[in-house]
Amino acid sequence: LHMSLEDSIKWLGEVMAEIGPSHKNEKWNIFDVKQASAIVDYLKISLFQHYKLYEFLFFSAREEIVIGTEQLIEVVNPADHPFPDPLEEGISFDIYSTFIEPPPPLDMEIKGLNQEQGPGESQPEADTSETDLLVGFTIEEIKSVLDQVTDDILISIQTEINEKLQIQEEAFNARIEKLKKA
């Protein structure tokens, strides 16, 4: 229900006028005349004082502000198109190796060569790939070679770490000396 300020005050007066002396015998009368006039005065200084503001707030049409952005996204086409591959640095290795990296062509080429050569010629090639490279060595010899290699690697790493620790120790000692002098 939308009424002007004058109509609203008039309607409030009519509603409160029913409280007057002519309607005293009715059961629905809650307020007497003094209380009704106090209510009307209170509504005039509170609600009706800002009536224009409420009217503007609830009944005026407001402009809708649509905030949005449009972005143009270029999708990478399959490899047969002239677009370059995406940078590997921006993609995790799992995603790159699963979806982007082309499958190794060696398996297909080997199968194609085997089929072209025939069954008789492919057996010697298969025999050389299946032979174990460590057949002529014993387990002790392999262990001793692995121990030597790991010792060489660990010694070089240990000397590098010791050198870095000495450099840091000297730097800290120099700082301590400066603090003692100050």
N, C-alpha and C. Protein backbone atom coordinates (compact mmCIF):
# COMPACT_ATOMS: atom_id res chain seq x y z
N LEU A 1 0.86 -1.17 0.00
CA LEU A 1 0.00 0.00 0.00
C LEU A 1 0.90 1.23 0.00
N HIS A 2 0.81 2.04 -1.05
CA HIS A 2 1.64 3.23 -1.16
C HIS A 2 0.76 4.47 -1.10
N MET A 3 1.00 5.27 -0.08
CA MET A 3 0.22 6.51 0.09
C MET A 3 1.19 7.67 0.28
N SER A 4 0.69 8.86 0.00
CA SER A 4 1.51 10.05 0.22
C SER A 4 1.57 10.35 1.70
N LEU A 5 2.39 11.32 2.09
CA LEU A 5 2.55 11.67 3.48
C LEU A 5 1.23 12.18 4.07
N GLU A 6 0.54 13.02 3.34
CA GLU A 6 -0.73 13.56 3.84
C GLU A 6 -1.76 12.45 4.02
N ASP A 7 -1.83 11.54 3.02
CA ASP A 7 -2.79 10.44 3.11
C ASP A 7 -2.47 9.52 4.29
N SER A 8 -1.19 9.31 4.53
CA SER A 8 -0.80 8.44 5.64
C SER A 8 -1.17 9.06 6.99
N ILE A 9 -0.93 10.36 7.13
CA ILE A 9 -1.29 11.03 8.40
C ILE A 9 -2.80 11.04 8.58
N LYS A 10 -3.54 11.29 7.48
CA LYS A 10 -5.00 11.28 7.54
C LYS A 10 -5.52 9.90 7.93
N TRP A 11 -4.97 8.85 7.33
CA TRP A 11 -5.40 7.48 7.64
C TRP A 11 -5.09 7.13 9.09
N LEU A 12 -3.93 7.53 9.60
CA LEU A 12 -3.58 7.28 10.99
C LEU A 12 -4.55 7.99 11.92
N GLY A 13 -4.91 9.23 11.57
CA GLY A 13 -5.89 9.96 12.39
C GLY A 13 -7.24 9.27 12.40
N GLU A 14 -7.69 8.76 11.25
CA GLU A 14 -8.97 8.07 11.19
C GLU A 14 -8.96 6.79 12.02
N VAL A 15 -7.86 6.07 11.95
CA VAL A 15 -7.76 4.83 12.74
C VAL A 15 -7.77 5.15 14.22
N MET A 16 -7.04 6.17 14.62
CA MET A 16 -6.99 6.52 16.03
C MET A 16 -8.28 7.23 16.48
N ALA A 17 -9.04 7.81 15.55
CA ALA A 17 -10.28 8.49 15.92
C ALA A 17 -11.33 7.49 16.37
N GLU A 18 -11.24 6.27 15.93
CA GLU A 18 -12.20 5.25 16.35
C GLU A 18 -12.07 4.92 17.82
N ILE A 19 -11.01 5.39 18.44
CA ILE A 19 -10.81 5.15 19.86
C ILE A 19 -11.62 6.13 20.70
N GLY A 20 -12.11 7.20 20.09
CA GLY A 20 -12.80 8.28 20.78
C GLY A 20 -13.99 7.82 21.62
N PRO A 21 -14.75 8.81 22.22
CA PRO A 21 -15.82 8.50 23.16
C PRO A 21 -16.99 7.75 22.54
N SER A 22 -17.22 7.87 21.23
CA SER A 22 -18.36 7.19 20.64
C SER A 22 -18.16 5.68 20.59
N HIS A 23 -16.90 5.19 20.59
CA HIS A 23 -16.62 3.76 20.50
C HIS A 23 -16.15 3.20 21.84
N LYS A 24 -16.53 3.80 22.95
CA LYS A 24 -16.03 3.39 24.25
C LYS A 24 -16.53 2.01 24.66
N ASN A 25 -17.70 1.60 24.21
CA ASN A 25 -18.28 0.35 24.66
C ASN A 25 -17.73 -0.88 23.90
N GLU A 26 -17.01 -0.68 22.83
CA GLU A 26 -16.51 -1.82 22.05
C GLU A 26 -15.36 -2.49 22.79
N LYS A 27 -15.22 -3.82 22.57
CA LYS A 27 -14.19 -4.61 23.26
C LYS A 27 -12.80 -4.40 22.67
N TRP A 28 -12.75 -3.95 21.42
CA TRP A 28 -11.46 -3.88 20.73
C TRP A 28 -10.67 -2.60 21.07
N ASN A 29 -11.17 -1.73 21.86
CA ASN A 29 -10.46 -0.49 22.20
C ASN A 29 -9.34 -0.81 23.18
N ILE A 30 -8.11 -0.55 22.73
CA ILE A 30 -6.95 -0.83 23.57
C ILE A 30 -6.43 0.45 24.21
N PHE A 31 -6.44 1.55 23.46
CA PHE A 31 -5.89 2.81 23.92
C PHE A 31 -7.01 3.80 24.21
N ASP A 32 -6.75 4.68 25.18
CA ASP A 32 -7.69 5.79 25.38
C ASP A 32 -7.23 6.96 24.51
N VAL A 33 -7.91 8.10 24.59
CA VAL A 33 -7.65 9.23 23.70
C VAL A 33 -6.26 9.80 23.95
N LYS A 34 -5.83 9.90 25.19
CA LYS A 34 -4.52 10.45 25.50
C LYS A 34 -3.41 9.56 24.93
N GLN A 35 -3.56 8.28 25.09
CA GLN A 35 -2.56 7.37 24.57
C GLN A 35 -2.51 7.41 23.03
N ALA A 36 -3.68 7.51 22.39
CA ALA A 36 -3.74 7.58 20.93
C ALA A 36 -3.05 8.84 20.42
N SER A 37 -3.28 9.97 21.09
CA SER A 37 -2.62 11.20 20.63
C SER A 37 -1.11 11.13 20.87
N ALA A 38 -0.68 10.47 21.93
CA ALA A 38 0.75 10.29 22.18
C ALA A 38 1.38 9.41 21.09
N ILE A 39 0.65 8.38 20.67
CA ILE A 39 1.14 7.51 19.60
C ILE A 39 1.26 8.28 18.29
N VAL A 40 0.25 9.08 17.97
CA VAL A 40 0.27 9.87 16.74
C VAL A 40 1.42 10.86 16.77
N ASP A 41 1.64 11.53 17.90
CA ASP A 41 2.75 12.48 18.01
C ASP A 41 4.11 11.77 17.83
N TYR A 42 4.21 10.61 18.46
CA TYR A 42 5.47 9.86 18.34
C TYR A 42 5.73 9.45 16.89
N LEU A 43 4.71 8.97 16.20
CA LEU A 43 4.87 8.57 14.81
C LEU A 43 5.20 9.76 13.91
N LYS A 44 4.66 10.94 14.24
CA LYS A 44 4.96 12.13 13.45
C LYS A 44 6.43 12.51 13.57
N ILE A 45 6.99 12.43 14.79
CA ILE A 45 8.38 12.84 14.96
C ILE A 45 9.37 11.74 14.61
N SER A 46 8.92 10.49 14.50
CA SER A 46 9.87 9.42 14.17
C SER A 46 9.70 8.93 12.73
N LEU A 47 8.59 8.26 12.47
CA LEU A 47 8.38 7.65 11.16
C LEU A 47 8.11 8.68 10.08
N PHE A 48 7.20 9.61 10.33
CA PHE A 48 6.80 10.56 9.30
C PHE A 48 7.85 11.64 9.05
N GLN A 49 8.78 11.81 10.00
CA GLN A 49 9.84 12.80 9.80
C GLN A 49 10.73 12.40 8.62
N HIS A 50 10.98 11.12 8.46
CA HIS A 50 11.82 10.63 7.38
C HIS A 50 11.00 9.92 6.30
N TYR A 51 9.78 10.36 6.13
CA TYR A 51 8.86 9.69 5.19
C TYR A 51 9.39 9.75 3.76
N LYS A 52 9.95 10.87 3.35
CA LYS A 52 10.48 11.00 1.99
C LYS A 52 11.64 10.02 1.75
N LEU A 53 12.45 9.86 2.79
CA LEU A 53 13.55 8.93 2.68
C LEU A 53 13.04 7.50 2.51
N TYR A 54 12.07 7.10 3.36
CA TYR A 54 11.49 5.76 3.24
C TYR A 54 10.80 5.57 1.89
N GLU A 55 10.11 6.58 1.45
CA GLU A 55 9.42 6.50 0.17
C GLU A 55 10.43 6.30 -0.96
N PHE A 56 11.52 7.04 -0.91
CA PHE A 56 12.55 6.87 -1.92
C PHE A 56 13.18 5.49 -1.85
N LEU A 57 13.43 5.03 -0.64
CA LEU A 57 14.10 3.76 -0.44
C LEU A 57 13.26 2.58 -0.94
N PHE A 58 11.97 2.59 -0.62
CA PHE A 58 11.13 1.44 -0.92
C PHE A 58 10.37 1.51 -2.25
N PHE A 59 10.15 2.69 -2.78
CA PHE A 59 9.28 2.78 -3.94
C PHE A 59 9.94 3.34 -5.20
N SER A 60 11.16 3.86 -5.10
CA SER A 60 11.78 4.40 -6.31
C SER A 60 12.54 3.28 -7.02
N ALA A 61 12.53 3.37 -8.32
CA ALA A 61 13.25 2.38 -9.13
C ALA A 61 14.73 2.75 -9.14
N ARG A 62 15.56 1.79 -8.82
CA ARG A 62 17.00 2.03 -8.77
C ARG A 62 17.66 1.41 -9.99
N GLU A 63 18.73 2.02 -10.38
CA GLU A 63 19.48 1.52 -11.52
C GLU A 63 20.31 0.32 -11.06
N GLU A 64 20.23 -0.75 -11.80
CA GLU A 64 21.01 -1.93 -11.46
C GLU A 64 22.42 -1.79 -12.01
N ILE A 65 23.37 -1.95 -11.14
CA ILE A 65 24.75 -1.86 -11.56
C ILE A 65 25.27 -3.28 -11.71
N VAL A 66 25.67 -3.60 -12.91
CA VAL A 66 26.20 -4.93 -13.18
C VAL A 66 27.71 -4.80 -13.29
N ILE A 67 28.37 -5.48 -12.39
CA ILE A 67 29.82 -5.46 -12.40
C ILE A 67 30.29 -6.79 -12.96
N GLY A 68 31.09 -6.72 -13.97
CA GLY A 68 31.59 -7.95 -14.57
C GLY A 68 32.73 -7.66 -15.50
N THR A 69 33.40 -8.70 -15.86
CA THR A 69 34.49 -8.57 -16.81
C THR A 69 34.35 -9.63 -17.88
N GLU A 70 34.80 -9.29 -19.02
CA GLU A 70 34.83 -10.25 -20.10
C GLU A 70 36.28 -10.57 -20.39
N GLN A 71 36.57 -11.85 -20.45
CA GLN A 71 37.93 -12.26 -20.74
C GLN A 71 37.93 -13.14 -21.97
N LEU A 72 38.91 -12.95 -22.80
CA LEU A 72 39.07 -13.76 -23.99
C LEU A 72 40.12 -14.81 -23.68
N ILE A 73 39.74 -16.06 -23.75
CA ILE A 73 40.64 -17.16 -23.44
C ILE A 73 40.91 -17.93 -24.71
N GLU A 74 42.17 -18.07 -25.04
CA GLU A 74 42.55 -18.82 -26.22
C GLU A 74 42.90 -20.23 -25.80
N VAL A 75 42.23 -21.19 -26.36
CA VAL A 75 42.45 -22.58 -26.02
C VAL A 75 43.49 -23.15 -26.97
N VAL A 76 44.40 -23.91 -26.41
CA VAL A 76 45.46 -24.50 -27.22
C VAL A 76 44.86 -25.63 -28.04
N ASN A 77 45.10 -25.58 -29.33
CA ASN A 77 44.59 -26.60 -30.23
C ASN A 77 45.51 -27.82 -30.23
N PRO A 78 45.08 -28.90 -30.80
CA PRO A 78 45.94 -30.10 -30.85
C PRO A 78 47.27 -29.82 -31.54
N ALA A 79 48.19 -30.78 -31.42
CA ALA A 79 49.56 -30.58 -31.89
C ALA A 79 49.68 -30.41 -33.39
N ASP A 80 48.69 -30.85 -34.15
CA ASP A 80 48.81 -30.72 -35.60
C ASP A 80 48.55 -29.31 -36.09
N HIS A 81 48.12 -28.42 -35.22
CA HIS A 81 47.91 -27.02 -35.59
C HIS A 81 49.21 -26.24 -35.38
N PRO A 82 49.33 -25.07 -35.97
CA PRO A 82 50.61 -24.33 -35.90
C PRO A 82 50.84 -23.58 -34.59
N PHE A 83 50.18 -23.93 -33.50
CA PHE A 83 50.42 -23.26 -32.23
C PHE A 83 51.57 -23.95 -31.49
N PRO A 84 52.39 -23.20 -30.76
CA PRO A 84 53.47 -23.84 -30.01
C PRO A 84 52.92 -24.55 -28.77
N ASP A 85 53.73 -25.49 -28.26
CA ASP A 85 53.34 -26.20 -27.04
C ASP A 85 53.37 -25.22 -25.87
N PRO A 86 52.55 -25.43 -24.85
CA PRO A 86 52.60 -24.56 -23.67
C PRO A 86 53.91 -24.78 -22.92
N LEU A 87 54.29 -23.77 -22.16
CA LEU A 87 55.54 -23.87 -21.42
C LEU A 87 55.44 -24.95 -20.35
N GLU A 88 56.48 -25.73 -20.24
CA GLU A 88 56.49 -26.79 -19.24
C GLU A 88 56.57 -26.23 -17.83
N GLU A 89 57.16 -25.05 -17.67
CA GLU A 89 57.37 -24.49 -16.34
C GLU A 89 56.06 -24.16 -15.64
N GLY A 90 55.03 -23.87 -16.42
CA GLY A 90 53.75 -23.48 -15.83
C GLY A 90 52.84 -24.66 -15.52
N ILE A 91 53.28 -25.86 -15.83
CA ILE A 91 52.44 -27.04 -15.66
C ILE A 91 53.20 -28.05 -14.82
N SER A 92 52.51 -28.74 -13.93
CA SER A 92 53.18 -29.76 -13.13
C SER A 92 53.61 -30.92 -14.03
N PHE A 93 54.63 -31.64 -13.59
CA PHE A 93 55.19 -32.70 -14.41
C PHE A 93 54.18 -33.81 -14.67
N ASP A 94 53.35 -34.12 -13.66
CA ASP A 94 52.36 -35.19 -13.85
C ASP A 94 51.39 -34.85 -14.97
N ILE A 95 50.87 -33.63 -14.97
CA ILE A 95 49.92 -33.23 -16.01
C ILE A 95 50.61 -33.18 -17.36
N TYR A 96 51.84 -32.64 -17.38
CA TYR A 96 52.55 -32.55 -18.65
C TYR A 96 52.81 -33.93 -19.24
N SER A 97 53.32 -34.83 -18.39
CA SER A 97 53.67 -36.16 -18.91
C SER A 97 52.44 -36.97 -19.28
N THR A 98 51.31 -36.73 -18.60
CA THR A 98 50.11 -37.51 -18.88
C THR A 98 49.38 -37.01 -20.11
N PHE A 99 49.20 -35.70 -20.24
CA PHE A 99 48.32 -35.17 -21.27
C PHE A 99 49.02 -34.48 -22.44
N ILE A 100 50.17 -33.87 -22.21
CA ILE A 100 50.77 -33.02 -23.23
C ILE A 100 51.93 -33.70 -23.94
N GLU A 101 52.81 -34.33 -23.19
CA GLU A 101 54.00 -34.92 -23.77
C GLU A 101 53.61 -36.00 -24.78
N PRO A 102 54.15 -35.93 -25.98
CA PRO A 102 53.79 -36.95 -26.97
C PRO A 102 54.34 -38.31 -26.56
N PRO A 103 53.63 -39.38 -26.88
CA PRO A 103 54.11 -40.71 -26.50
C PRO A 103 55.41 -41.02 -27.23
N PRO A 104 56.27 -41.79 -26.60
CA PRO A 104 57.54 -42.08 -27.24
C PRO A 104 57.33 -42.89 -28.53
N PRO A 105 57.87 -42.42 -29.63
CA PRO A 105 57.65 -43.10 -30.91
C PRO A 105 58.52 -44.35 -31.08
N LEU A 106 59.41 -44.61 -30.14
CA LEU A 106 60.32 -45.74 -30.28
C LEU A 106 59.56 -47.07 -30.33
N ASP A 107 58.57 -47.27 -29.49
CA ASP A 107 57.83 -48.53 -29.48
C ASP A 107 57.16 -48.79 -30.81
N MET A 108 56.54 -47.76 -31.36
CA MET A 108 55.84 -47.93 -32.64
C MET A 108 56.84 -48.20 -33.76
N GLU A 109 57.99 -47.50 -33.73
CA GLU A 109 58.98 -47.69 -34.77
C GLU A 109 59.60 -49.08 -34.69
N ILE A 110 59.85 -49.55 -33.47
CA ILE A 110 60.43 -50.88 -33.30
C ILE A 110 59.46 -51.95 -33.79
N LYS A 111 58.18 -51.78 -33.43
CA LYS A 111 57.19 -52.75 -33.89
C LYS A 111 57.08 -52.73 -35.41
N GLY A 112 57.14 -51.53 -35.99
CA GLY A 112 57.07 -51.41 -37.45
C GLY A 112 58.28 -52.06 -38.11
N LEU A 113 59.47 -51.87 -37.51
CA LEU A 113 60.66 -52.49 -38.07
C LEU A 113 60.62 -54.01 -37.95
N ASN A 114 60.11 -54.49 -36.80
CA ASN A 114 60.01 -55.94 -36.60
C ASN A 114 59.08 -56.56 -37.63
N GLN A 115 57.99 -55.89 -37.91
CA GLN A 115 57.05 -56.43 -38.88
C GLN A 115 57.63 -56.40 -40.29
N GLU A 116 58.43 -55.37 -40.59
CA GLU A 116 59.03 -55.27 -41.92
C GLU A 116 60.14 -56.30 -42.12
N GLN A 117 60.92 -56.56 -41.05
CA GLN A 117 62.05 -57.48 -41.17
C GLN A 117 61.60 -58.93 -41.24
N GLY A 118 60.51 -59.22 -40.59
CA GLY A 118 60.05 -60.62 -40.58
C GLY A 118 60.46 -61.29 -39.29
N PRO A 119 59.88 -62.46 -39.01
CA PRO A 119 60.14 -63.12 -37.74
C PRO A 119 61.55 -63.67 -37.61
N GLY A 120 62.20 -64.06 -38.67
CA GLY A 120 63.53 -64.65 -38.58
C GLY A 120 64.60 -63.64 -38.22
N GLU A 121 64.48 -62.45 -38.66
CA GLU A 121 65.52 -61.44 -38.44
C GLU A 121 65.38 -60.74 -37.09
N SER A 122 64.22 -60.76 -36.49
CA SER A 122 64.01 -60.02 -35.24
C SER A 122 64.48 -60.78 -34.02
N GLN A 123 64.72 -62.07 -34.10
CA GLN A 123 65.11 -62.85 -32.92
C GLN A 123 66.50 -62.48 -32.41
N PRO A 124 67.52 -62.31 -33.24
CA PRO A 124 68.83 -61.94 -32.69
C PRO A 124 68.79 -60.59 -31.99
N GLU A 125 68.02 -59.68 -32.51
CA GLU A 125 67.90 -58.35 -31.89
C GLU A 125 67.25 -58.48 -30.52
N ALA A 126 66.23 -59.29 -30.39
CA ALA A 126 65.54 -59.48 -29.12
C ALA A 126 66.45 -60.17 -28.13
N ASP A 127 67.31 -61.10 -28.60
CA ASP A 127 68.20 -61.81 -27.71
C ASP A 127 69.23 -60.86 -27.09
N THR A 128 69.73 -59.90 -27.85
CA THR A 128 70.72 -58.97 -27.31
C THR A 128 70.10 -58.02 -26.29
N SER A 129 68.83 -57.67 -26.45
CA SER A 129 68.22 -56.77 -25.49
C SER A 129 67.84 -57.48 -24.20
N GLU A 130 67.65 -58.81 -24.27
CA GLU A 130 67.25 -59.55 -23.07
C GLU A 130 68.44 -60.02 -22.25
N THR A 131 69.65 -60.00 -22.79
CA THR A 131 70.81 -60.48 -22.06
C THR A 131 71.12 -59.54 -20.91
N ASP A 132 71.54 -60.11 -19.78
CA ASP A 132 71.85 -59.34 -18.59
C ASP A 132 73.28 -58.83 -18.68
N LEU A 133 73.49 -57.58 -18.43
CA LEU A 133 74.80 -56.97 -18.54
C LEU A 133 75.71 -57.35 -17.38
N LEU A 134 75.16 -57.81 -16.26
CA LEU A 134 75.93 -58.13 -15.07
C LEU A 134 76.21 -59.63 -14.94
N VAL A 135 76.12 -60.40 -16.01
CA VAL A 135 76.27 -61.85 -15.94
C VAL A 135 77.69 -62.25 -15.52
N GLY A 136 78.69 -61.56 -15.96
CA GLY A 136 80.07 -61.96 -15.69
C GLY A 136 80.59 -61.54 -14.33
N PHE A 137 79.80 -60.85 -13.51
CA PHE A 137 80.27 -60.35 -12.22
C PHE A 137 79.62 -61.12 -11.08
N THR A 138 80.34 -61.22 -9.97
CA THR A 138 79.76 -61.84 -8.78
C THR A 138 79.11 -60.76 -7.93
N ILE A 139 78.35 -61.19 -6.93
CA ILE A 139 77.64 -60.25 -6.05
C ILE A 139 78.64 -59.43 -5.24
N GLU A 140 79.74 -60.04 -4.80
CA GLU A 140 80.74 -59.33 -4.01
C GLU A 140 81.41 -58.23 -4.84
N GLU A 141 81.69 -58.51 -6.09
CA GLU A 141 82.30 -57.51 -6.95
C GLU A 141 81.36 -56.32 -7.17
N ILE A 142 80.09 -56.59 -7.36
CA ILE A 142 79.09 -55.51 -7.55
C ILE A 142 78.99 -54.69 -6.28
N LYS A 143 78.95 -55.35 -5.12
CA LYS A 143 78.87 -54.63 -3.84
C LYS A 143 80.10 -53.75 -3.63
N SER A 144 81.29 -54.27 -3.96
CA SER A 144 82.50 -53.48 -3.74
C SER A 144 82.53 -52.26 -4.67
N VAL A 145 82.08 -52.40 -5.91
CA VAL A 145 82.03 -51.26 -6.83
C VAL A 145 81.03 -50.22 -6.33
N LEU A 146 79.87 -50.68 -5.89
CA LEU A 146 78.86 -49.75 -5.37
C LEU A 146 79.35 -49.05 -4.12
N ASP A 147 80.07 -49.77 -3.23
CA ASP A 147 80.62 -49.14 -2.03
C ASP A 147 81.63 -48.06 -2.39
N GLN A 148 82.50 -48.34 -3.37
CA GLN A 148 83.50 -47.34 -3.78
C GLN A 148 82.83 -46.09 -4.36
N VAL A 149 81.83 -46.30 -5.19
CA VAL A 149 81.15 -45.16 -5.82
C VAL A 149 80.43 -44.32 -4.76
N THR A 150 79.70 -44.98 -3.86
CA THR A 150 78.98 -44.22 -2.83
C THR A 150 79.95 -43.53 -1.89
N ASP A 151 81.08 -44.17 -1.54
CA ASP A 151 82.07 -43.52 -0.67
C ASP A 151 82.64 -42.28 -1.34
N ASP A 152 82.96 -42.38 -2.63
CA ASP A 152 83.49 -41.21 -3.36
C ASP A 152 82.49 -40.07 -3.36
N ILE A 153 81.25 -40.39 -3.61
CA ILE A 153 80.20 -39.35 -3.66
C ILE A 153 79.99 -38.75 -2.28
N LEU A 154 79.91 -39.59 -1.25
CA LEU A 154 79.68 -39.09 0.11
C LEU A 154 80.85 -38.26 0.61
N ILE A 155 82.07 -38.66 0.28
CA ILE A 155 83.25 -37.89 0.72
C ILE A 155 83.24 -36.50 0.08
N SER A 156 82.91 -36.45 -1.20
CA SER A 156 82.88 -35.13 -1.86
C SER A 156 81.79 -34.25 -1.27
N ILE A 157 80.64 -34.83 -0.97
CA ILE A 157 79.55 -34.06 -0.36
C ILE A 157 79.94 -33.60 1.04
N GLN A 158 80.61 -34.49 1.80
CA GLN A 158 81.00 -34.14 3.16
C GLN A 158 82.04 -33.02 3.17
N THR A 159 82.99 -33.05 2.27
CA THR A 159 83.99 -31.98 2.23
C THR A 159 83.35 -30.66 1.83
N GLU A 160 82.40 -30.72 0.92
CA GLU A 160 81.70 -29.49 0.51
C GLU A 160 80.92 -28.89 1.67
N ILE A 161 80.25 -29.74 2.44
CA ILE A 161 79.48 -29.26 3.61
C ILE A 161 80.43 -28.68 4.65
N ASN A 162 81.57 -29.35 4.89
CA ASN A 162 82.53 -28.85 5.89
C ASN A 162 83.08 -27.49 5.49
N GLU A 163 83.36 -27.30 4.19
CA GLU A 163 83.84 -26.00 3.72
C GLU A 163 82.81 -24.90 3.96
N LYS A 164 81.54 -25.21 3.65
CA LYS A 164 80.49 -24.21 3.87
C LYS A 164 80.32 -23.89 5.35
N LEU A 165 80.43 -24.91 6.20
CA LEU A 165 80.31 -24.67 7.64
C LEU A 165 81.47 -23.80 8.16
N GLN A 166 82.68 -24.03 7.65
CA GLN A 166 83.82 -23.22 8.06
C GLN A 166 83.63 -21.77 7.65
N ILE A 167 83.11 -21.56 6.45
CA ILE A 167 82.88 -20.19 5.98
C ILE A 167 81.85 -19.49 6.87
N GLN A 168 80.78 -20.19 7.21
CA GLN A 168 79.76 -19.60 8.08
C GLN A 168 80.31 -19.35 9.47
N GLU A 169 81.13 -20.27 9.99
CA GLU A 169 81.71 -20.10 11.32
C GLU A 169 82.61 -18.87 11.35
N GLU A 170 83.40 -18.67 10.31
CA GLU A 170 84.28 -17.50 10.25
C GLU A 170 83.46 -16.21 10.19
N ALA A 171 82.36 -16.25 9.45
CA ALA A 171 81.52 -15.06 9.35
C ALA A 171 80.89 -14.73 10.71
N PHE A 172 80.42 -15.76 11.41
CA PHE A 172 79.83 -15.53 12.74
C PHE A 172 80.88 -15.04 13.74
N ASN A 173 82.09 -15.59 13.68
CA ASN A 173 83.15 -15.13 14.58
C ASN A 173 83.50 -13.68 14.32
N ALA A 174 83.50 -13.29 13.04
CA ALA A 174 83.77 -11.89 12.71
C ALA A 174 82.67 -10.98 13.26
N ARG A 175 81.45 -11.40 13.17
CA ARG A 175 80.33 -10.60 13.72
C ARG A 175 80.45 -10.47 15.24
N ILE A 176 80.81 -11.59 15.89
CA ILE A 176 80.95 -11.57 17.36
C ILE A 176 82.05 -10.61 17.76
N GLU A 177 83.17 -10.62 17.04
CA GLU A 177 84.27 -9.71 17.35
C GLU A 177 83.84 -8.25 17.17
N LYS A 178 83.06 -7.97 16.13
CA LYS A 178 82.57 -6.61 15.92
C LYS A 178 81.67 -6.17 17.07
N LEU A 179 80.81 -7.10 17.53
CA LEU A 179 79.92 -6.77 18.64
C LEU A 179 80.69 -6.56 19.95
N LYS A 180 81.75 -7.32 20.15
CA LYS A 180 82.56 -7.15 21.36
C LYS A 180 83.26 -5.79 21.37
N LYS A 181 83.72 -5.35 20.18
CA LYS A 181 84.40 -4.06 20.08
C LYS A 181 83.44 -2.90 20.28
N ALA A 182 82.19 -3.08 19.91
CA ALA A 182 81.21 -2.00 20.02
C ALA A 182 80.70 -1.93 21.41
